[in-house]
């Protein structure tokens, strides 16, 4: 029910506008906090990644080829399939690798992974830092 007085209506409109602004600011604050938390977690995961030599060895397999089969990586590094699977998932989550559709060869399915642009940049930085 709107007030009949013009002044009261204007005050009510102003209060409504202020309320909308406050709600908008609250949404922005909540969005920013959530975004910051996600960025912080990704940064934390990245630092953790850099401190794990197994993960760096796995990623370094992609210096010569853009894509590799799961079995190729496993054979080259002589690593258990569960550990390799876990590490490839972590690297995929971080955006360093992308899982490609499985290909069938002789009734066997092979998972392939491709290094992303971000993964190439990380590799370049790792090898650049190692040569200093």
Foldseek 3Di string as FASTA:
>chain_A
DADPDPVSNVVVVVVVVVVVVVVVVVVVVVVVVVVVVVVVVLVVLVVVQVVDVVLLLLLVVCPVPQKDWLVVSCVVVVDDSVVSVVSVVSCVVSVQKDWDAWDDDPNDTIIMIGGDPVNVVVNVVVVVVVVD
